[in-house]
Amino acid sequence: MVMIGASILSADYGHMAEEVKKAEEGNVDFFHVDIMDGHFVPNLSMGLRVPHYLKSITDVPIDVHLMVENPDLFIPKLADAADMIAFHAESSKYLFRTVDLIKEHDAKPIVALNPSTPIGNVEYVLENLYGVLVMTVEPGFSGQSFINPMIKKIDNLKNKILTEGYDTKIFVDGGINLETAPKAVEAGADGLIAASAIYGKEDVKKAVNDLRNSANFRI
């Protein structure tokens, strides 16, 4: 069963509790929180208090995606809020150190890869990861179109994981909708993160279920 993550980047921030409830009714597997610093990506998003607030209103796991230049500064501040923490391979000079820091704070480590970053950049840390987040758009903004060559990247990464016998998950973020979801799953994705495809719809519960059904069609 493919995991579906609801990215609150496209949610109504003024009614967050209600937005969370709608996705919960669709049995979303986790909530995805994008934290941007305006340096690693040319945008600013929600602050560190948002994951803590979400943790106080839902039992659904919280996944925090750090689009920041120095993730090690942020990780300790997320200790009580994040179940999973993703940071970018491009932002850390010492991947093993950052992965260990996440584990020390009782969260599952995920390394994110920008579209142009090769999977070889995480080859030697793969077995230490809960997951790899394959960005299928350039990070920083929601509503972008899926970059099709990333299907090959997902497929190559999946083959590497299976060949080595690892249990590392593949998450995909960017341009996920009813058309691209089954393609990503067929290539090897274990989890899909969607913003506008969920919160851009009038019926959020139905949007989650429709996305899950389209993704599981390929299994």
C-alpha atoms as a PDB file:
ATOM      1  CA  MET A   1       0.000   0.000   0.000  1.00  0.00           C
ATOM      2  CA  VAL A   2       1.395   3.361  -1.048  1.00  0.00           C
ATOM      3  CA  MET A   3       1.675   6.023   1.652  1.00  0.00           C
ATOM      4  CA  ILE A   4      -0.034   9.350   0.974  1.00  0.00           C
ATOM      5  CA  GLY A   5       1.280  12.506   2.592  1.00  0.00           C
ATOM      6  CA  ALA A   6      -0.761  15.711   2.671  1.00  0.00           C
ATOM      7  CA  SER A   7       1.443  18.765   2.252  1.00  0.00           C
ATOM      8  CA  ILE A   8      -0.021  21.652   4.217  1.00  0.00           C
ATOM      9  CA  LEU A   9       1.775  24.115   1.936  1.00  0.00           C
ATOM     10  CA  SER A  10      -1.504  24.425   0.015  1.00  0.00           C
ATOM     11  CA  ALA A  11      -3.788  24.290   3.039  1.00  0.00           C
ATOM     12  CA  ASP A  12      -5.779  27.199   4.444  1.00  0.00           C
ATOM     13  CA  TYR A  13      -3.516  28.405   7.249  1.00  0.00           C
ATOM     14  CA  GLY A  14      -6.360  30.336   8.863  1.00  0.00           C
ATOM     15  CA  HIS A  15      -8.326  27.118   9.403  1.00  0.00           C
ATOM     16  CA  MET A  16      -5.533  24.610   9.930  1.00  0.00           C
ATOM     17  CA  ALA A  17      -7.358  22.417  12.458  1.00  0.00           C
ATOM     18  CA  GLU A  18     -10.237  21.981  10.022  1.00  0.00           C
ATOM     19  CA  GLU A  19      -7.844  21.285   7.144  1.00  0.00           C
ATOM     20  CA  VAL A  20      -6.096  18.610   9.188  1.00  0.00           C
ATOM     21  CA  LYS A  21      -9.417  17.027  10.101  1.00  0.00           C
ATOM     22  CA  LYS A  22     -10.452  16.798   6.447  1.00  0.00           C
ATOM     23  CA  ALA A  23      -7.270  14.938   5.502  1.00  0.00           C
ATOM     24  CA  GLU A  24      -7.588  12.682   8.527  1.00  0.00           C
ATOM     25  CA  GLU A  25     -11.048  11.668   7.319  1.00  0.00           C
ATOM     26  CA  GLY A  26      -9.382  10.543   4.101  1.00  0.00           C
ATOM     27  CA  ASN A  27      -6.971   8.401   6.158  1.00  0.00           C
ATOM     28  CA  VAL A  28      -3.903  10.303   5.045  1.00  0.00           C
ATOM     29  CA  ASP A  29      -0.730   8.518   6.207  1.00  0.00           C
ATOM     30  CA  PHE A  30       1.240  11.598   7.260  1.00  0.00           C
ATOM     31  CA  PHE A  31       1.299  15.381   7.122  1.00  0.00           C
ATOM     32  CA  HIS A  32       4.164  17.028   5.266  1.00  0.00           C
ATOM     33  CA  VAL A  33       5.515  20.374   6.481  1.00  0.00           C
ATOM     34  CA  ASP A  34       7.867  22.413   4.275  1.00  0.00           C
ATOM     35  CA  ILE A  35      10.210  24.718   6.158  1.00  0.00           C
ATOM     36  CA  MET A  36      12.094  27.128   3.887  1.00  0.00           C
ATOM     37  CA  ASP A  37      14.714  29.694   4.849  1.00  0.00           C
ATOM     38  CA  GLY A  38      14.702  31.955   1.785  1.00  0.00           C
ATOM     39  CA  HIS A  39      18.332  31.018   1.078  1.00  0.00           C
ATOM     40  CA  PHE A  40      18.444  27.354   0.083  1.00  0.00           C
ATOM     41  CA  VAL A  41      15.252  28.009  -1.869  1.00  0.00           C
ATOM     42  CA  PRO A  42      13.991  31.438  -2.989  1.00  0.00           C
ATOM     43  CA  ASN A  43      10.968  31.366  -0.727  1.00  0.00           C
ATOM     44  CA  LEU A  44       9.955  31.550   2.921  1.00  0.00           C
ATOM     45  CA  SER A  45       7.300  29.295   4.391  1.00  0.00           C
ATOM     46  CA  MET A  46       6.054  28.312   7.825  1.00  0.00           C
ATOM     47  CA  GLY A  47       8.131  28.492  10.990  1.00  0.00           C
ATOM     48  CA  LEU A  48       9.242  25.861  13.450  1.00  0.00           C
ATOM     49  CA  ARG A  49       6.137  26.258  15.588  1.00  0.00           C
ATOM     50  CA  VAL A  50       3.874  24.802  12.893  1.00  0.00           C
ATOM     51  CA  PRO A  51       5.010  21.157  13.301  1.00  0.00           C
ATOM     52  CA  HIS A  52       4.578  21.509  17.066  1.00  0.00           C
ATOM     53  CA  TYR A  53       1.056  22.834  16.576  1.00  0.00           C
ATOM     54  CA  LEU A  54       0.181  19.982  14.224  1.00  0.00           C
ATOM     55  CA  LYS A  55       1.519  17.476  16.737  1.00  0.00           C
ATOM     56  CA  SER A  56      -0.878  18.896  19.323  1.00  0.00           C
ATOM     57  CA  ILE A  57      -3.981  18.414  17.172  1.00  0.00           C
ATOM     58  CA  THR A  58      -3.373  15.101  15.358  1.00  0.00           C
ATOM     59  CA  ASP A  59      -2.025  11.622  15.982  1.00  0.00           C
ATOM     60  CA  VAL A  60      -1.079  11.273  12.312  1.00  0.00           C
ATOM     61  CA  PRO A  61       2.739  11.262  11.842  1.00  0.00           C
ATOM     62  CA  ILE A  62       4.416  14.564  11.000  1.00  0.00           C
ATOM     63  CA  ASP A  63       7.032  14.720   8.250  1.00  0.00           C
ATOM     64  CA  VAL A  64       9.171  17.871   8.189  1.00  0.00           C
ATOM     65  CA  HIS A  65      11.022  18.790   4.998  1.00  0.00           C
ATOM     66  CA  LEU A  66      13.906  21.168   5.689  1.00  0.00           C
ATOM     67  CA  MET A  67      14.668  23.302   2.647  1.00  0.00           C
ATOM     68  CA  VAL A  68      17.377  25.180   4.510  1.00  0.00           C
ATOM     69  CA  GLU A  69      21.095  25.833   4.219  1.00  0.00           C
ATOM     70  CA  ASN A  70      22.094  24.452   7.623  1.00  0.00           C
ATOM     71  CA  PRO A  71      19.709  21.660   8.657  1.00  0.00           C
ATOM     72  CA  ASP A  72      21.723  20.747  11.758  1.00  0.00           C
ATOM     73  CA  LEU A  73      20.609  24.009  13.388  1.00  0.00           C
ATOM     74  CA  PHE A  74      16.941  23.186  12.909  1.00  0.00           C
ATOM     75  CA  ILE A  75      16.823  19.495  13.811  1.00  0.00           C
ATOM     76  CA  PRO A  76      17.100  19.817  17.630  1.00  0.00           C
ATOM     77  CA  LYS A  77      14.244  22.349  17.594  1.00  0.00           C
ATOM     78  CA  LEU A  78      11.971  19.775  15.930  1.00  0.00           C
ATOM     79  CA  ALA A  79      12.694  16.998  18.410  1.00  0.00           C
ATOM     80  CA  ASP A  80       9.229  16.891  19.983  1.00  0.00           C
ATOM     81  CA  ALA A  81       7.258  17.475  16.804  1.00  0.00           C
ATOM     82  CA  ALA A  82       8.661  15.551  13.855  1.00  0.00           C
ATOM     83  CA  ASP A  83       8.311  11.809  13.302  1.00  0.00           C
ATOM     84  CA  MET A  84      10.321  12.084  10.074  1.00  0.00           C
ATOM     85  CA  ILE A  85      12.830  14.751   9.084  1.00  0.00           C
ATOM     86  CA  ALA A  86      14.013  15.244   5.512  1.00  0.00           C
ATOM     87  CA  PHE A  87      17.016  17.384   4.687  1.00  0.00           C
ATOM     88  CA  HIS A  88      18.712  18.028   1.361  1.00  0.00           C
ATOM     89  CA  ALA A  89      21.912  16.272   0.345  1.00  0.00           C
ATOM     90  CA  GLU A  90      22.889  19.559  -1.288  1.00  0.00           C
ATOM     91  CA  SER A  91      22.673  21.401   2.053  1.00  0.00           C
ATOM     92  CA  SER A  92      24.813  19.149   4.255  1.00  0.00           C
ATOM     93  CA  LYS A  93      28.552  18.603   3.989  1.00  0.00           C
ATOM     94  CA  TYR A  94      28.403  15.643   6.367  1.00  0.00           C
ATOM     95  CA  LEU A  95      25.434  13.411   5.565  1.00  0.00           C
ATOM     96  CA  PHE A  96      26.230  10.725   8.139  1.00  0.00           C
ATOM     97  CA  ARG A  97      26.500  13.341  10.886  1.00  0.00           C
ATOM     98  CA  THR A  98      23.150  14.896  10.020  1.00  0.00           C
ATOM     99  CA  VAL A  99      21.477  11.488   9.757  1.00  0.00           C
ATOM    100  CA  ASP A 100      22.818  10.535  13.184  1.00  0.00           C
ATOM    101  CA  LEU A 101      21.579  13.842  14.624  1.00  0.00           C
ATOM    102  CA  ILE A 102      18.061  13.106  13.400  1.00  0.00           C
ATOM    103  CA  LYS A 103      18.168   9.635  14.944  1.00  0.00           C
ATOM    104  CA  GLU A 104      19.429  11.071  18.223  1.00  0.00           C
ATOM    105  CA  HIS A 105      16.256  13.136  18.349  1.00  0.00           C
ATOM    106  CA  ASP A 106      14.073  10.062  17.808  1.00  0.00           C
ATOM    107  CA  ALA A 107      12.990  10.879  14.259  1.00  0.00           C
ATOM    108  CA  LYS A 108      13.348   8.910  11.045  1.00  0.00           C
ATOM    109  CA  PRO A 109      15.978  10.347   8.664  1.00  0.00           C
ATOM    110  CA  ILE A 110      15.183  11.098   5.037  1.00  0.00           C
ATOM    111  CA  VAL A 111      17.568  12.652   2.518  1.00  0.00           C
ATOM    112  CA  ALA A 112      16.040  14.773  -0.242  1.00  0.00           C
ATOM    113  CA  LEU A 113      17.506  15.080  -3.715  1.00  0.00           C
ATOM    114  CA  ASN A 114      16.900  18.000  -6.063  1.00  0.00           C
ATOM    115  CA  PRO A 115      15.948  16.960  -9.620  1.00  0.00           C
ATOM    116  CA  SER A 116      19.466  17.433 -11.018  1.00  0.00           C
ATOM    117  CA  THR A 117      21.228  15.727  -8.097  1.00  0.00           C
ATOM    118  CA  PRO A 118      22.318  12.150  -8.953  1.00  0.00           C
ATOM    119  CA  ILE A 119      21.366   9.243  -6.717  1.00  0.00           C
ATOM    120  CA  GLY A 120      25.055   8.448  -6.322  1.00  0.00           C
ATOM    121  CA  ASN A 121      25.226  11.306  -3.817  1.00  0.00           C
ATOM    122  CA  VAL A 122      23.406   9.136  -1.261  1.00  0.00           C
ATOM    123  CA  GLU A 123      24.766   5.736  -2.282  1.00  0.00           C
ATOM    124  CA  TYR A 124      26.895   5.171   0.792  1.00  0.00           C
ATOM    125  CA  VAL A 125      24.365   6.466   3.296  1.00  0.00           C
ATOM    126  CA  LEU A 126      21.343   4.600   1.874  1.00  0.00           C
ATOM    127  CA  GLU A 127      21.320   1.788   4.414  1.00  0.00           C
ATOM    128  CA  ASN A 128      21.257   4.331   7.252  1.00  0.00           C
ATOM    129  CA  LEU A 129      18.146   6.084   5.952  1.00  0.00           C
ATOM    130  CA  TYR A 130      14.462   5.577   6.523  1.00  0.00           C
ATOM    131  CA  GLY A 131      13.884   7.103   3.129  1.00  0.00           C
ATOM    132  CA  VAL A 132      15.022   9.128   0.163  1.00  0.00           C
ATOM    133  CA  LEU A 133      12.835  12.016  -0.993  1.00  0.00           C
ATOM    134  CA  VAL A 134      13.030  12.416  -4.764  1.00  0.00           C
ATOM    135  CA  MET A 135      12.048  15.946  -5.723  1.00  0.00           C
ATOM    136  CA  THR A 136      10.140  15.855  -8.996  1.00  0.00           C
ATOM    137  CA  VAL A 137       9.984  19.649  -9.218  1.00  0.00           C
ATOM    138  CA  GLU A 138      12.506  22.294  -8.264  1.00  0.00           C
ATOM    139  CA  PRO A 139      11.971  22.866  -4.515  1.00  0.00           C
ATOM    140  CA  GLY A 140      10.415  26.003  -3.109  1.00  0.00           C
ATOM    141  CA  PHE A 141       6.947  26.397  -4.643  1.00  0.00           C
ATOM    142  CA  SER A 142       3.795  24.315  -4.936  1.00  0.00           C
ATOM    143  CA  GLY A 143       1.759  23.910  -8.111  1.00  0.00           C
ATOM    144  CA  GLN A 144       4.673  23.094 -10.425  1.00  0.00           C
ATOM    145  CA  SER A 145       4.564  20.463 -13.164  1.00  0.00           C
ATOM    146  CA  PHE A 146       6.118  17.031 -12.677  1.00  0.00           C
ATOM    147  CA  ILE A 147       9.586  16.686 -14.257  1.00  0.00           C
ATOM    148  CA  ASN A 148       9.213  13.507 -16.312  1.00  0.00           C
ATOM    149  CA  PRO A 149      12.890  12.367 -16.370  1.00  0.00           C
ATOM    150  CA  MET A 150      12.540  11.805 -12.611  1.00  0.00           C
ATOM    151  CA  ILE A 151      10.669   8.574 -13.395  1.00  0.00           C
ATOM    152  CA  LYS A 152      13.990   7.091 -14.533  1.00  0.00           C
ATOM    153  CA  LYS A 153      15.647   8.424 -11.393  1.00  0.00           C
ATOM    154  CA  ILE A 154      13.042   6.747  -9.154  1.00  0.00           C
ATOM    155  CA  ASP A 155      13.442   3.509 -11.083  1.00  0.00           C
ATOM    156  CA  ASN A 156      17.241   3.566 -10.805  1.00  0.00           C
ATOM    157  CA  LEU A 157      17.083   4.323  -7.095  1.00  0.00           C
ATOM    158  CA  LYS A 158      14.603   1.504  -6.498  1.00  0.00           C
ATOM    159  CA  ASN A 159      16.830  -0.958  -8.332  1.00  0.00           C
ATOM    160  CA  LYS A 160      19.803   0.136  -6.227  1.00  0.00           C
ATOM    161  CA  ILE A 161      17.861  -0.330  -2.987  1.00  0.00           C
ATOM    162  CA  LEU A 162      16.593  -3.773  -4.003  1.00  0.00           C
ATOM    163  CA  THR A 163      19.996  -4.904  -5.255  1.00  0.00           C
ATOM    164  CA  GLU A 164      21.625  -3.964  -1.951  1.00  0.00           C
ATOM    165  CA  GLY A 165      18.792  -5.487   0.089  1.00  0.00           C
ATOM    166  CA  TYR A 166      17.957  -2.289   1.964  1.00  0.00           C
ATOM    167  CA  ASP A 167      14.563  -1.376   3.415  1.00  0.00           C
ATOM    168  CA  THR A 168      14.908   2.294   2.474  1.00  0.00           C
ATOM    169  CA  LYS A 169      11.679   3.923   1.298  1.00  0.00           C
ATOM    170  CA  ILE A 170      11.311   6.201  -1.706  1.00  0.00           C
ATOM    171  CA  PHE A 171       9.145   9.289  -1.297  1.00  0.00           C
ATOM    172  CA  VAL A 172       8.218  11.543  -4.205  1.00  0.00           C
ATOM    173  CA  ASP A 173       7.335  15.211  -3.894  1.00  0.00           C
ATOM    174  CA  GLY A 174       6.323  17.615  -6.639  1.00  0.00           C
ATOM    175  CA  GLY A 175       3.599  17.681  -9.276  1.00  0.00           C
ATOM    176  CA  ILE A 176       1.862  14.623  -7.838  1.00  0.00           C
ATOM    177  CA  ASN A 177      -1.686  14.211  -9.133  1.00  0.00           C
ATOM    178  CA  LEU A 178      -3.997  11.518 -10.499  1.00  0.00           C
ATOM    179  CA  GLU A 179      -1.934  11.276 -13.682  1.00  0.00           C
ATOM    180  CA  THR A 180       1.590  11.280 -12.239  1.00  0.00           C
ATOM    181  CA  ALA A 181       0.920   9.249  -9.084  1.00  0.00           C
ATOM    182  CA  PRO A 182       0.612   5.857 -10.829  1.00  0.00           C
ATOM    183  CA  LYS A 183       3.721   6.572 -12.915  1.00  0.00           C
ATOM    184  CA  ALA A 184       5.769   7.312  -9.797  1.00  0.00           C
ATOM    185  CA  VAL A 185       4.500   4.183  -8.057  1.00  0.00           C
ATOM    186  CA  GLU A 186       5.175   2.007 -11.079  1.00  0.00           C
ATOM    187  CA  ALA A 187       8.755   3.303 -11.066  1.00  0.00           C
ATOM    188  CA  GLY A 188       9.188   2.355  -7.403  1.00  0.00           C
ATOM    189  CA  ALA A 189       7.781   5.059  -5.120  1.00  0.00           C
ATOM    190  CA  ASP A 190       6.597   3.981  -1.671  1.00  0.00           C
ATOM    191  CA  GLY A 191       5.150   7.313  -0.610  1.00  0.00           C
ATOM    192  CA  LEU A 192       3.626  10.266  -2.451  1.00  0.00           C
ATOM    193  CA  ILE A 193       3.426  13.831  -1.186  1.00  0.00           C
ATOM    194  CA  ALA A 194       0.773  16.115  -2.612  1.00  0.00           C
ATOM    195  CA  ALA A 195      -0.181  19.715  -1.896  1.00  0.00           C
ATOM    196  CA  SER A 196      -2.561  21.214  -4.446  1.00  0.00           C
ATOM    197  CA  ALA A 197      -3.813  17.773  -5.548  1.00  0.00           C
ATOM    198  CA  ILE A 198      -5.255  17.427  -2.036  1.00  0.00           C
ATOM    199  CA  TYR A 199      -5.813  20.877  -0.576  1.00  0.00           C
ATOM    200  CA  GLY A 200      -6.547  22.455  -3.928  1.00  0.00           C
ATOM    201  CA  LYS A 201      -9.701  20.343  -4.198  1.00  0.00           C
ATOM    202  CA  GLU A 202     -13.104  21.198  -2.760  1.00  0.00           C
ATOM    203  CA  ASP A 203     -13.492  17.751  -1.182  1.00  0.00           C
ATOM    204  CA  VAL A 204     -10.203  16.989   0.586  1.00  0.00           C
ATOM    205  CA  LYS A 205     -11.295  13.574   1.854  1.00  0.00           C
ATOM    206  CA  LYS A 206     -12.257  12.499  -1.671  1.00  0.00           C
ATOM    207  CA  ALA A 207      -9.017  13.948  -3.070  1.00  0.00           C
ATOM    208  CA  VAL A 208      -6.926  11.797  -0.708  1.00  0.00           C
ATOM    209  CA  ASN A 209      -8.910   8.679  -1.579  1.00  0.00           C
ATOM    210  CA  ASP A 210      -8.780   9.384  -5.324  1.00  0.00           C
ATOM    211  CA  LEU A 211      -5.024   9.876  -5.173  1.00  0.00           C
ATOM    212  CA  ARG A 212      -4.536   6.663  -3.219  1.00  0.00           C
ATOM    213  CA  ASN A 213      -6.720   4.711  -5.621  1.00  0.00           C
ATOM    214  CA  SER A 214      -4.846   6.032  -8.652  1.00  0.00           C
ATOM    215  CA  ALA A 215      -1.512   5.162  -7.053  1.00  0.00           C
ATOM    216  CA  ASN A 216      -2.519   1.680  -5.932  1.00  0.00           C
ATOM    217  CA  PHE A 217      -3.847   0.916  -9.405  1.00  0.00           C
ATOM    218  CA  ARG A 218      -0.232   0.212 -10.393  1.00  0.00           C
ATOM    219  CA  ILE A 219       0.538  -2.218  -7.564  1.00  0.00           C
END
